[in-house]
Amino acid sequence: MSDCIFCNIIAGEIPSKKIYEDDDMLAFHDISPQAPVHFLVIPKKHIPNVMEAKPEDALLLGKLLHKAQTLLAEQGCAEKGGRFVVNCKSDGMQTVEHIHLHVFGGRSLGWPPG
């Protein structure tokens, strides 16, 4: 989708600080980090939000979460962990209409989130 910023990042039309890429997904550092470690993991398939994911997307979404776990450990957060967040639609504060997993680490994160 040409109007989707994440699709444009996947296509290489917008630069990103990539930390992982394969045929199914891309992971890159957030441009406005909210923790010492803050990156996004996105599917290359355009899925607007979690509410619009189909049963056939379940494996892909599971792969995103597993890769996020691996990448967080590689970023030095294996011992203390972090936070995995998927915002959904307006009440969930989703700002880009393409499923994306925020991964935070490197400091203690408060609750509730806001």
PDB file of N, CA and C in Angstrom:
ATOM      1  N   MET A   1       0.843  -1.180   0.000  1.00  0.00           N
ATOM      2  CA  MET A   1       0.000   0.000   0.000  1.00  0.00           C
ATOM      3  C   MET A   1       0.887   1.240   0.000  1.00  0.00           C
ATOM      4  N   SER A   2       0.764   2.047  -1.015  1.00  0.00           N
ATOM      5  CA  SER A   2       1.663   3.178  -1.195  1.00  0.00           C
ATOM      6  C   SER A   2       1.503   4.274  -0.140  1.00  0.00           C
ATOM      7  N   ASP A   3       0.353   4.330   0.532  1.00  0.00           N
ATOM      8  CA  ASP A   3       0.162   5.360   1.552  1.00  0.00           C
ATOM      9  C   ASP A   3       0.519   4.881   2.954  1.00  0.00           C
ATOM     10  N   CYS A   4       1.015   3.668   3.088  1.00  0.00           N
ATOM     11  CA  CYS A   4       1.394   3.105   4.388  1.00  0.00           C
ATOM     12  C   CYS A   4       2.888   3.306   4.616  1.00  0.00           C
ATOM     13  N   ILE A   5       3.234   4.024   5.673  1.00  0.00           N
ATOM     14  CA  ILE A   5       4.648   4.299   5.957  1.00  0.00           C
ATOM     15  C   ILE A   5       5.443   3.005   6.168  1.00  0.00           C
ATOM     16  N   PHE A   6       4.840   2.017   6.833  1.00  0.00           N
ATOM     17  CA  PHE A   6       5.572   0.773   7.065  1.00  0.00           C
ATOM     18  C   PHE A   6       5.752  -0.016   5.774  1.00  0.00           C
ATOM     19  N   CYS A   7       4.777   0.004   4.886  1.00  0.00           N
ATOM     20  CA  CYS A   7       4.952  -0.641   3.578  1.00  0.00           C
ATOM     21  C   CYS A   7       6.072   0.048   2.800  1.00  0.00           C
ATOM     22  N   ASN A   8       6.166   1.377   2.927  1.00  0.00           N
ATOM     23  CA  ASN A   8       7.241   2.113   2.261  1.00  0.00           C
ATOM     24  C   ASN A   8       8.601   1.795   2.875  1.00  0.00           C
ATOM     25  N   ILE A   9       8.651   1.576   4.187  1.00  0.00           N
ATOM     26  CA  ILE A   9       9.903   1.160   4.834  1.00  0.00           C
ATOM     27  C   ILE A   9      10.296  -0.231   4.334  1.00  0.00           C
ATOM     28  N   ILE A  10       9.333  -1.145   4.270  1.00  0.00           N
ATOM     29  CA  ILE A  10       9.594  -2.500   3.765  1.00  0.00           C
ATOM     30  C   ILE A  10      10.144  -2.449   2.343  1.00  0.00           C
ATOM     31  N   ALA A  11       9.575  -1.571   1.518  1.00  0.00           N
ATOM     32  CA  ALA A  11      10.001  -1.445   0.119  1.00  0.00           C
ATOM     33  C   ALA A  11      11.341  -0.731  -0.035  1.00  0.00           C
ATOM     34  N   GLY A  12      11.886  -0.189   1.062  1.00  0.00           N
ATOM     35  CA  GLY A  12      13.152   0.520   1.004  1.00  0.00           C
ATOM     36  C   GLY A  12      13.023   1.967   0.546  1.00  0.00           C
ATOM     37  N   GLU A  13      11.800   2.463   0.428  1.00  0.00           N
ATOM     38  CA  GLU A  13      11.563   3.833  -0.015  1.00  0.00           C
ATOM     39  C   GLU A  13      11.768   4.841   1.115  1.00  0.00           C
ATOM     40  N   ILE A  14      11.682   4.387   2.347  1.00  0.00           N
ATOM     41  CA  ILE A  14      11.950   5.201   3.527  1.00  0.00           C
ATOM     42  C   ILE A  14      13.026   4.469   4.320  1.00  0.00           C
ATOM     43  N   PRO A  15      14.105   5.160   4.690  1.00  0.00           N
ATOM     44  CA  PRO A  15      15.178   4.470   5.422  1.00  0.00           C
ATOM     45  C   PRO A  15      14.757   4.096   6.844  1.00  0.00           C
ATOM     46  N   SER A  16      15.380   3.043   7.352  1.00  0.00           N
ATOM     47  CA  SER A  16      15.172   2.630   8.739  1.00  0.00           C
ATOM     48  C   SER A  16      16.476   2.031   9.245  1.00  0.00           C
ATOM     49  N   LYS A  17      16.589   1.963  10.556  1.00  0.00           N
ATOM     50  CA  LYS A  17      17.758   1.343  11.179  1.00  0.00           C
ATOM     51  C   LYS A  17      17.377  -0.108  11.481  1.00  0.00           C
ATOM     52  N   LYS A  18      17.551  -0.958  10.479  1.00  0.00           N
ATOM     53  CA  LYS A  18      17.120  -2.358  10.558  1.00  0.00           C
ATOM     54  C   LYS A  18      17.966  -3.149  11.547  1.00  0.00           C
ATOM     55  N   ILE A  19      17.273  -4.054  12.259  1.00  0.00           N
ATOM     56  CA  ILE A  19      18.003  -4.997  13.099  1.00  0.00           C
ATOM     57  C   ILE A  19      17.744  -6.438  12.667  1.00  0.00           C
ATOM     58  N   TYR A  20      16.712  -6.644  11.840  1.00  0.00           N
ATOM     59  CA  TYR A  20      16.429  -7.992  11.337  1.00  0.00           C
ATOM     60  C   TYR A  20      15.495  -7.880  10.141  1.00  0.00           C
ATOM     61  N   GLU A  21      15.696  -8.790   9.174  1.00  0.00           N
ATOM     62  CA  GLU A  21      14.772  -8.879   8.046  1.00  0.00           C
ATOM     63  C   GLU A  21      14.817 -10.286   7.478  1.00  0.00           C
ATOM     64  N   ASP A  22      13.642 -10.804   7.134  1.00  0.00           N
ATOM     65  CA  ASP A  22      13.538 -12.047   6.383  1.00  0.00           C
ATOM     66  C   ASP A  22      12.371 -11.907   5.408  1.00  0.00           C
ATOM     67  N   ASP A  23      11.928 -13.002   4.813  1.00  0.00           N
ATOM     68  CA  ASP A  23      10.857 -12.943   3.819  1.00  0.00           C
ATOM     69  C   ASP A  23       9.518 -12.509   4.404  1.00  0.00           C
ATOM     70  N   ASP A  24       9.321 -12.703   5.704  1.00  0.00           N
ATOM     71  CA  ASP A  24       8.033 -12.442   6.334  1.00  0.00           C
ATOM     72  C   ASP A  24       7.956 -11.165   7.150  1.00  0.00           C
ATOM     73  N   MET A  25       9.088 -10.666   7.636  1.00  0.00           N
ATOM     74  CA  MET A  25       9.043  -9.570   8.607  1.00  0.00           C
ATOM     75  C   MET A  25      10.270  -8.685   8.527  1.00  0.00           C
ATOM     76  N   LEU A  26      10.132  -7.552   9.203  1.00  0.00           N
ATOM     77  CA  LEU A  26      11.213  -6.583   9.322  1.00  0.00           C
ATOM     78  C   LEU A  26      11.193  -6.054  10.752  1.00  0.00           C
ATOM     79  N   ALA A  27      12.369  -5.889  11.335  1.00  0.00           N
ATOM     80  CA  ALA A  27      12.496  -5.279  12.664  1.00  0.00           C
ATOM     81  C   ALA A  27      13.468  -4.115  12.546  1.00  0.00           C
ATOM     82  N   PHE A  28      13.103  -2.993  13.171  1.00  0.00           N
ATOM     83  CA  PHE A  28      13.936  -1.805  13.087  1.00  0.00           C
ATOM     84  C   PHE A  28      13.741  -0.949  14.336  1.00  0.00           C
ATOM     85  N   HIS A  29      14.740  -0.124  14.628  1.00  0.00           N
ATOM     86  CA  HIS A  29      14.689   0.749  15.794  1.00  0.00           C
ATOM     87  C   HIS A  29      13.623   1.832  15.607  1.00  0.00           C
ATOM     88  N   ASP A  30      12.912   2.139  16.690  1.00  0.00           N
ATOM     89  CA  ASP A  30      11.910   3.194  16.669  1.00  0.00           C
ATOM     90  C   ASP A  30      12.609   4.544  16.508  1.00  0.00           C
ATOM     91  N   ILE A  31      12.006   5.445  15.725  1.00  0.00           N
ATOM     92  CA  ILE A  31      12.633   6.760  15.506  1.00  0.00           C
ATOM     93  C   ILE A  31      12.472   7.689  16.709  1.00  0.00           C
ATOM     94  N   SER A  32      11.591   7.331  17.626  1.00  0.00           N
ATOM     95  CA  SER A  32      11.387   8.127  18.843  1.00  0.00           C
ATOM     96  C   SER A  32      11.351   7.181  20.043  1.00  0.00           C
ATOM     97  N   PRO A  33      12.513   6.621  20.411  1.00  0.00           N
ATOM     98  CA  PRO A  33      12.532   5.580  21.440  1.00  0.00           C
ATOM     99  C   PRO A  33      12.016   6.058  22.797  1.00  0.00           C
ATOM    100  N   GLN A  34      11.250   5.170  23.428  1.00  0.00           N
ATOM    101  CA  GLN A  34      10.671   5.447  24.740  1.00  0.00           C
ATOM    102  C   GLN A  34      11.359   4.647  25.847  1.00  0.00           C
ATOM    103  N   ALA A  35      12.414   3.942  25.499  1.00  0.00           N
ATOM    104  CA  ALA A  35      13.216   3.160  26.441  1.00  0.00           C
ATOM    105  C   ALA A  35      14.594   2.993  25.813  1.00  0.00           C
ATOM    106  N   PRO A  36      15.601   2.603  26.600  1.00  0.00           N
ATOM    107  CA  PRO A  36      16.926   2.392  26.018  1.00  0.00           C
ATOM    108  C   PRO A  36      16.917   1.411  24.837  1.00  0.00           C
ATOM    109  N   VAL A  37      16.067   0.401  24.922  1.00  0.00           N
ATOM    110  CA  VAL A  37      15.842  -0.510  23.800  1.00  0.00           C
ATOM    111  C   VAL A  37      14.385  -0.312  23.378  1.00  0.00           C
ATOM    112  N   HIS A  38      14.174   0.072  22.139  1.00  0.00           N
ATOM    113  CA  HIS A  38      12.811   0.240  21.603  1.00  0.00           C
ATOM    114  C   HIS A  38      12.881   0.010  20.101  1.00  0.00           C
ATOM    115  N   PHE A  39      12.306  -1.091  19.691  1.00  0.00           N
ATOM    116  CA  PHE A  39      12.260  -1.390  18.265  1.00  0.00           C
ATOM    117  C   PHE A  39      10.887  -1.922  17.903  1.00  0.00           C
ATOM    118  N   LEU A  40      10.613  -1.956  16.609  1.00  0.00           N
ATOM    119  CA  LEU A  40       9.348  -2.446  16.078  1.00  0.00           C
ATOM    120  C   LEU A  40       9.597  -3.706  15.273  1.00  0.00           C
ATOM    121  N   VAL A  41       8.647  -4.623  15.322  1.00  0.00           N
ATOM    122  CA  VAL A  41       8.668  -5.809  14.461  1.00  0.00           C
ATOM    123  C   VAL A  41       7.361  -5.764  13.679  1.00  0.00           C
ATOM    124  N   ILE A  42       7.470  -5.798  12.344  1.00  0.00           N
ATOM    125  CA  ILE A  42       6.293  -5.676  11.489  1.00  0.00           C
ATOM    126  C   ILE A  42       6.253  -6.805  10.464  1.00  0.00           C
ATOM    127  N   PRO A  43       5.063  -7.260  10.119  1.00  0.00           N
ATOM    128  CA  PRO A  43       4.969  -8.231   9.027  1.00  0.00           C
ATOM    129  C   PRO A  43       5.126  -7.509   7.696  1.00  0.00           C
ATOM    130  N   LYS A  44       5.670  -8.186   6.706  1.00  0.00           N
ATOM    131  CA  LYS A  44       5.736  -7.598   5.370  1.00  0.00           C
ATOM    132  C   LYS A  44       4.365  -7.608   4.704  1.00  0.00           C
ATOM    133  N   LYS A  45       3.516  -8.513   5.129  1.00  0.00           N
ATOM    134  CA  LYS A  45       2.138  -8.518   4.650  1.00  0.00           C
ATOM    135  C   LYS A  45       1.399  -7.363   5.314  1.00  0.00           C
ATOM    136  N   HIS A  46       0.702  -6.564   4.529  1.00  0.00           N
ATOM    137  CA  HIS A  46      -0.044  -5.455   5.101  1.00  0.00           C
ATOM    138  C   HIS A  46      -1.322  -5.975   5.760  1.00  0.00           C
ATOM    139  N   ILE A  47      -1.358  -5.864   7.082  1.00  0.00           N
ATOM    140  CA  ILE A  47      -2.551  -6.171   7.881  1.00  0.00           C
ATOM    141  C   ILE A  47      -2.775  -4.897   8.695  1.00  0.00           C
ATOM    142  N   PRO A  48      -3.916  -4.220   8.515  1.00  0.00           N
ATOM    143  CA  PRO A  48      -4.106  -2.919   9.164  1.00  0.00           C
ATOM    144  C   PRO A  48      -4.022  -2.938  10.685  1.00  0.00           C
ATOM    145  N   ASN A  49      -4.608  -3.928  11.328  1.00  0.00           N
ATOM    146  CA  ASN A  49      -4.598  -3.982  12.790  1.00  0.00           C
ATOM    147  C   ASN A  49      -4.973  -5.388  13.249  1.00  0.00           C
ATOM    148  N   VAL A  50      -4.828  -5.639  14.532  1.00  0.00           N
ATOM    149  CA  VAL A  50      -5.103  -6.972  15.084  1.00  0.00           C
ATOM    150  C   VAL A  50      -6.549  -7.391  14.837  1.00  0.00           C
ATOM    151  N   MET A  51      -7.462  -6.441  14.892  1.00  0.00           N
ATOM    152  CA  MET A  51      -8.878  -6.761  14.715  1.00  0.00           C
ATOM    153  C   MET A  51      -9.179  -7.242  13.291  1.00  0.00           C
ATOM    154  N   GLU A  52      -8.293  -6.960  12.348  1.00  0.00           N
ATOM    155  CA  GLU A  52      -8.498  -7.375  10.964  1.00  0.00           C
ATOM    156  C   GLU A  52      -7.632  -8.563  10.560  1.00  0.00           C
ATOM    157  N   ALA A  53      -6.883  -9.121  11.497  1.00  0.00           N
ATOM    158  CA  ALA A  53      -6.079 -10.312  11.202  1.00  0.00           C
ATOM    159  C   ALA A  53      -7.009 -11.494  10.943  1.00  0.00           C
ATOM    160  N   LYS A  54      -6.627 -12.326  10.015  1.00  0.00           N
ATOM    161  CA  LYS A  54      -7.405 -13.510   9.627  1.00  0.00           C
ATOM    162  C   LYS A  54      -6.805 -14.753  10.276  1.00  0.00           C
ATOM    163  N   PRO A  55      -7.569 -15.837  10.358  1.00  0.00           N
ATOM    164  CA  PRO A  55      -7.019 -17.073  10.917  1.00  0.00           C
ATOM    165  C   PRO A  55      -5.720 -17.504  10.230  1.00  0.00           C
ATOM    166  N   GLU A  56      -5.626 -17.274   8.936  1.00  0.00           N
ATOM    167  CA  GLU A  56      -4.410 -17.664   8.217  1.00  0.00           C
ATOM    168  C   GLU A  56      -3.206 -16.782   8.570  1.00  0.00           C
ATOM    169  N   ASP A  57      -3.410 -15.685   9.309  1.00  0.00           N
ATOM    170  CA  ASP A  57      -2.314 -14.822   9.751  1.00  0.00           C
ATOM    171  C   ASP A  57      -1.724 -15.263  11.095  1.00  0.00           C
ATOM    172  N   ALA A  58      -2.339 -16.251  11.737  1.00  0.00           N
ATOM    173  CA  ALA A  58      -1.925 -16.646  13.086  1.00  0.00           C
ATOM    174  C   ALA A  58      -0.462 -17.095  13.135  1.00  0.00           C
ATOM    175  N   LEU A  59      -0.032 -17.893  12.191  1.00  0.00           N
ATOM    176  CA  LEU A  59       1.354 -18.364  12.189  1.00  0.00           C
ATOM    177  C   LEU A  59       2.316 -17.187  12.036  1.00  0.00           C
ATOM    178  N   LEU A  60       2.013 -16.284  11.116  1.00  0.00           N
ATOM    179  CA  LEU A  60       2.858 -15.106  10.905  1.00  0.00           C
ATOM    180  C   LEU A  60       2.946 -14.265  12.174  1.00  0.00           C
ATOM    181  N   LEU A  61       1.829 -14.024  12.824  1.00  0.00           N
ATOM    182  CA  LEU A  61       1.843 -13.214  14.041  1.00  0.00           C
ATOM    183  C   LEU A  61       2.607 -13.903  15.161  1.00  0.00           C
ATOM    184  N   GLY A  62       2.509 -15.214  15.255  1.00  0.00           N
ATOM    185  CA  GLY A  62       3.302 -15.963  16.222  1.00  0.00           C
ATOM    186  C   GLY A  62       4.790 -15.852  15.938  1.00  0.00           C
ATOM    187  N   LYS A  63       5.153 -15.895  14.660  1.00  0.00           N
ATOM    188  CA  LYS A  63       6.557 -15.750  14.272  1.00  0.00           C
ATOM    189  C   LYS A  63       7.088 -14.365  14.647  1.00  0.00           C
ATOM    190  N   LEU A  64       6.242 -13.335  14.507  1.00  0.00           N
ATOM    191  CA  LEU A  64       6.655 -11.983  14.904  1.00  0.00           C
ATOM    192  C   LEU A  64       6.994 -11.929  16.386  1.00  0.00           C
ATOM    193  N   LEU A  65       6.124 -12.502  17.197  1.00  0.00           N
ATOM    194  CA  LEU A  65       6.335 -12.479  18.640  1.00  0.00           C
ATOM    195  C   LEU A  65       7.585 -13.265  19.033  1.00  0.00           C
ATOM    196  N   HIS A  66       7.775 -14.412  18.421  1.00  0.00           N
ATOM    197  CA  HIS A  66       8.963 -15.213  18.735  1.00  0.00           C
ATOM    198  C   HIS A  66      10.238 -14.493  18.318  1.00  0.00           C
ATOM    199  N   LYS A  67      10.237 -13.875  17.149  1.00  0.00           N
ATOM    200  CA  LYS A  67      11.421 -13.141  16.700  1.00  0.00           C
ATOM    201  C   LYS A  67      11.682 -11.947  17.622  1.00  0.00           C
ATOM    202  N   ALA A  68      10.623 -11.276  18.072  1.00  0.00           N
ATOM    203  CA  ALA A  68      10.789 -10.154  18.997  1.00  0.00           C
ATOM    204  C   ALA A  68      11.487 -10.604  20.275  1.00  0.00           C
ATOM    205  N   GLN A  69      11.104 -11.777  20.775  1.00  0.00           N
ATOM    206  CA  GLN A  69      11.736 -12.337  21.973  1.00  0.00           C
ATOM    207  C   GLN A  69      13.233 -12.540  21.730  1.00  0.00           C
ATOM    208  N   THR A  70      13.567 -13.125  20.613  1.00  0.00           N
ATOM    209  CA  THR A  70      14.970 -13.383  20.267  1.00  0.00           C
ATOM    210  C   THR A  70      15.758 -12.083  20.137  1.00  0.00           C
ATOM    211  N   LEU A  71      15.167 -11.112  19.448  1.00  0.00           N
ATOM    212  CA  LEU A  71      15.849  -9.837  19.241  1.00  0.00           C
ATOM    213  C   LEU A  71      16.031  -9.065  20.548  1.00  0.00           C
ATOM    214  N   LEU A  72      15.052  -9.117  21.429  1.00  0.00           N
ATOM    215  CA  LEU A  72      15.186  -8.441  22.718  1.00  0.00           C
ATOM    216  C   LEU A  72      16.347  -9.045  23.505  1.00  0.00           C
ATOM    217  N   ALA A  73      16.471 -10.342  23.469  1.00  0.00           N
ATOM    218  CA  ALA A  73      17.602 -10.997  24.139  1.00  0.00           C
ATOM    219  C   ALA A  73      18.926 -10.548  23.508  1.00  0.00           C
ATOM    220  N   GLU A  74      18.966 -10.460  22.178  1.00  0.00           N
ATOM    221  CA  GLU A  74      20.181 -10.023  21.486  1.00  0.00           C
ATOM    222  C   GLU A  74      20.537  -8.572  21.815  1.00  0.00           C
ATOM    223  N   GLN A  75      19.547  -7.787  22.219  1.00  0.00           N
ATOM    224  CA  GLN A  75      19.778  -6.394  22.592  1.00  0.00           C
ATOM    225  C   GLN A  75      20.202  -6.261  24.062  1.00  0.00           C
ATOM    226  N   GLY A  76      20.453  -7.393  24.725  1.00  0.00           N
ATOM    227  CA  GLY A  76      20.960  -7.376  26.096  1.00  0.00           C
ATOM    228  C   GLY A  76      19.905  -7.430  27.177  1.00  0.00           C
ATOM    229  N   CYS A  77      18.679  -7.805  26.826  1.00  0.00           N
ATOM    230  CA  CYS A  77      17.585  -7.791  27.791  1.00  0.00           C
ATOM    231  C   CYS A  77      17.090  -9.173  28.183  1.00  0.00           C
ATOM    232  N   ALA A  78      17.887 -10.207  27.958  1.00  0.00           N
ATOM    233  CA  ALA A  78      17.445 -11.571  28.249  1.00  0.00           C
ATOM    234  C   ALA A  78      17.160 -11.785  29.732  1.00  0.00           C
ATOM    235  N   GLU A  79      18.006 -11.265  30.597  1.00  0.00           N
ATOM    236  CA  GLU A  79      17.858 -11.522  32.025  1.00  0.00           C
ATOM    237  C   GLU A  79      16.659 -10.803  32.636  1.00  0.00           C
ATOM    238  N   LYS A  80      16.484  -9.521  32.314  1.00  0.00           N
ATOM    239  CA  LYS A  80      15.426  -8.736  32.963  1.00  0.00           C
ATOM    240  C   LYS A  80      14.156  -8.610  32.133  1.00  0.00           C
ATOM    241  N   GLY A  81      14.206  -8.968  30.855  1.00  0.00           N
ATOM    242  CA  GLY A  81      13.009  -8.939  30.016  1.00  0.00           C
ATOM    243  C   GLY A  81      12.656  -7.555  29.510  1.00  0.00           C
ATOM    244  N   GLY A  82      11.382  -7.386  29.173  1.00  0.00           N
ATOM    245  CA  GLY A  82      10.930  -6.123  28.605  1.00  0.00           C
ATOM    246  C   GLY A  82       9.426  -6.130  28.431  1.00  0.00           C
ATOM    247  N   ARG A  83       8.955  -5.326  27.512  1.00  0.00           N
ATOM    248  CA  ARG A  83       7.519  -5.219  27.258  1.00  0.00           C
ATOM    249  C   ARG A  83       7.275  -5.349  25.762  1.00  0.00           C
ATOM    250  N   PHE A  84       6.205  -6.089  25.425  1.00  0.00           N
ATOM    251  CA  PHE A  84       5.778  -6.297  24.048  1.00  0.00           C
ATOM    252  C   PHE A  84       4.384  -5.689  23.930  1.00  0.00           C
ATOM    253  N   VAL A  85       4.196  -4.719  23.024  1.00  0.00           N
ATOM    254  CA  VAL A  85       2.943  -3.980  22.931  1.00  0.00           C
ATOM    255  C   VAL A  85       2.450  -3.952  21.487  1.00  0.00           C
ATOM    256  N   VAL A  86       1.163  -4.260  21.311  1.00  0.00           N
ATOM    257  CA  VAL A  86       0.500  -4.080  20.020  1.00  0.00           C
ATOM    258  C   VAL A  86      -0.687  -3.152  20.253  1.00  0.00           C
ATOM    259  N   ASN A  87      -0.598  -1.942  19.744  1.00  0.00           N
ATOM    260  CA  ASN A  87      -1.716  -1.004  19.828  1.00  0.00           C
ATOM    261  C   ASN A  87      -2.711  -1.333  18.719  1.00  0.00           C
ATOM    262  N   CYS A  88      -3.998  -1.095  18.987  1.00  0.00           N
ATOM    263  CA  CYS A  88      -5.014  -1.447  18.001  1.00  0.00           C
ATOM    264  C   CYS A  88      -6.082  -0.358  17.910  1.00  0.00           C
ATOM    265  N   LYS A  89      -6.204   0.215  16.739  1.00  0.00           N
ATOM    266  CA  LYS A  89      -7.204   1.226  16.398  1.00  0.00           C
ATOM    267  C   LYS A  89      -7.086   2.470  17.293  1.00  0.00           C
ATOM    268  N   SER A  90      -8.048   3.367  17.203  1.00  0.00           N
ATOM    269  CA  SER A  90      -7.931   4.672  17.854  1.00  0.00           C
ATOM    270  C   SER A  90      -7.896   4.592  19.380  1.00  0.00           C
ATOM    271  N   ASP A  91      -8.752   3.793  19.999  1.00  0.00           N
ATOM    272  CA  ASP A  91      -8.733   3.704  21.462  1.00  0.00           C
ATOM    273  C   ASP A  91      -7.455   3.052  21.978  1.00  0.00           C
ATOM    274  N   GLY A  92      -6.832   2.230  21.167  1.00  0.00           N
ATOM    275  CA  GLY A  92      -5.571   1.603  21.534  1.00  0.00           C
ATOM    276  C   GLY A  92      -4.360   2.445  21.166  1.00  0.00           C
ATOM    277  N   MET A  93      -4.601   3.648  20.625  1.00  0.00           N
ATOM    278  CA  MET A  93      -3.551   4.599  20.249  1.00  0.00           C
ATOM    279  C   MET A  93      -2.671   4.118  19.097  1.00  0.00           C
ATOM    280  N   GLN A  94      -3.241   3.333  18.190  1.00  0.00           N
ATOM    281  CA  GLN A  94      -2.506   2.919  16.992  1.00  0.00           C
ATOM    282  C   GLN A  94      -2.389   4.114  16.062  1.00  0.00           C
ATOM    283  N   THR A  95      -1.171   4.462  15.670  1.00  0.00           N
ATOM    284  CA  THR A  95      -0.962   5.632  14.820  1.00  0.00           C
ATOM    285  C   THR A  95      -0.595   5.269  13.386  1.00  0.00           C
ATOM    286  N   VAL A  96      -0.161   4.039  13.146  1.00  0.00           N
ATOM    287  CA  VAL A  96       0.127   3.564  11.792  1.00  0.00           C
ATOM    288  C   VAL A  96      -0.749   2.346  11.545  1.00  0.00           C
ATOM    289  N   GLU A  97      -1.538   2.401  10.492  1.00  0.00           N
ATOM    290  CA  GLU A  97      -2.478   1.316  10.185  1.00  0.00           C
ATOM    291  C   GLU A  97      -1.778   0.156   9.476  1.00  0.00           C
ATOM    292  N   HIS A  98      -0.882  -0.472  10.201  1.00  0.00           N
ATOM    293  CA  HIS A  98      -0.148  -1.668   9.771  1.00  0.00           C
ATOM    294  C   HIS A  98       0.277  -2.327  11.080  1.00  0.00           C
ATOM    295  N   ILE A  99      -0.147  -3.565  11.301  1.00  0.00           N
ATOM    296  CA  ILE A  99       0.210  -4.222  12.566  1.00  0.00           C
ATOM    297  C   ILE A  99       1.699  -4.042  12.844  1.00  0.00           C
ATOM    298  N   HIS A 100       1.998  -3.658  14.062  1.00  0.00           N
ATOM    299  CA  HIS A 100       3.392  -3.542  14.480  1.00  0.00           C
ATOM    300  C   HIS A 100       3.505  -3.829  15.972  1.00  0.00           C
ATOM    301  N   LEU A 101       4.541  -4.527  16.307  1.00  0.00           N
ATOM    302  CA  LEU A 101       4.827  -4.898  17.682  1.00  0.00           C
ATOM    303  C   LEU A 101       5.937  -3.994  18.199  1.00  0.00           C
ATOM    304  N   HIS A 102       5.624  -3.179  19.215  1.00  0.00           N
ATOM    305  CA  HIS A 102       6.639  -2.386  19.896  1.00  0.00           C
ATOM    306  C   HIS A 102       7.319  -3.294  20.907  1.00  0.00           C
ATOM    307  N   VAL A 103       8.638  -3.234  20.971  1.00  0.00           N
ATOM    308  CA  VAL A 103       9.398  -4.016  21.937  1.00  0.00           C
ATOM    309  C   VAL A 103      10.276  -3.038  22.721  1.00  0.00           C
ATOM    310  N   PHE A 104      10.092  -3.048  24.051  1.00  0.00           N
ATOM    311  CA  PHE A 104      10.803  -2.133  24.943  1.00  0.00           C
ATOM    312  C   PHE A 104      11.660  -2.928  25.923  1.00  0.00           C
ATOM    313  N   GLY A 105      12.795  -2.370  26.282  1.00  0.00           N
ATOM    314  CA  GLY A 105      13.640  -2.992  27.294  1.00  0.00           C
ATOM    315  C   GLY A 105      14.733  -2.039  27.741  1.00  0.00           C
ATOM    316  N   GLY A 106      15.542  -2.521  28.649  1.00  0.00           N
ATOM    317  CA  GLY A 106      16.676  -1.736  29.104  1.00  0.00           C
ATOM    318  C   GLY A 106      16.410  -0.888  30.337  1.00  0.00           C
ATOM    319  N   ARG A 107      15.172  -0.911  30.846  1.00  0.00           N
ATOM    320  CA  ARG A 107      14.847  -0.185  32.074  1.00  0.00           C
ATOM    321  C   ARG A 107      13.550  -0.766  32.622  1.00  0.00           C
ATOM    322  N   SER A 108      13.271  -0.478  33.885  1.00  0.00           N
ATOM    323  CA  SER A 108      12.016  -0.885  34.479  1.00  0.00           C
ATOM    324  C   SER A 108      10.896  -0.048  33.888  1.00  0.00           C
ATOM    325  N   LEU A 109       9.805  -0.692  33.487  1.00  0.00           N
ATOM    326  CA  LEU A 109       8.686  -0.019  32.831  1.00  0.00           C
ATOM    327  C   LEU A 109       7.498   0.031  33.794  1.00  0.00           C
ATOM    328  N   GLY A 110       6.930   1.201  33.983  1.00  0.00           N
ATOM    329  CA  GLY A 110       5.835   1.382  34.924  1.00  0.00           C
ATOM    330  C   GLY A 110       4.517   0.792  34.438  1.00  0.00           C
ATOM    331  N   TRP A 111       3.575   0.669  35.365  1.00  0.00           N
ATOM    332  CA  TRP A 111       2.229   0.189  35.064  1.00  0.00           C
ATOM    333  C   TRP A 111       1.247   0.953  35.925  1.00  0.00           C
ATOM    334  N   PRO A 112       0.118   1.403  35.457  1.00  0.00           N
ATOM    335  CA  PRO A 112      -0.362   1.210  34.089  1.00  0.00           C
ATOM    336  C   PRO A 112       0.397   2.073  33.097  1.00  0.00           C
ATOM    337  N   PRO A 113       0.326   1.713  31.805  1.00  0.00           N
ATOM    338  CA  PRO A 113       1.132   2.395  30.801  1.00  0.00           C
ATOM    339  C   PRO A 113       0.683   3.825  30.502  1.00  0.00           C
ATOM    340  N   GLY A 114      -0.487   4.248  30.924  1.00  0.00           N
ATOM    341  CA  GLY A 114      -0.835   5.634  30.661  1.00  0.00           C
ATOM    342  C   GLY A 114      -2.219   5.862  30.470  1.00  0.00           C
TER     343      GLY A 114
END
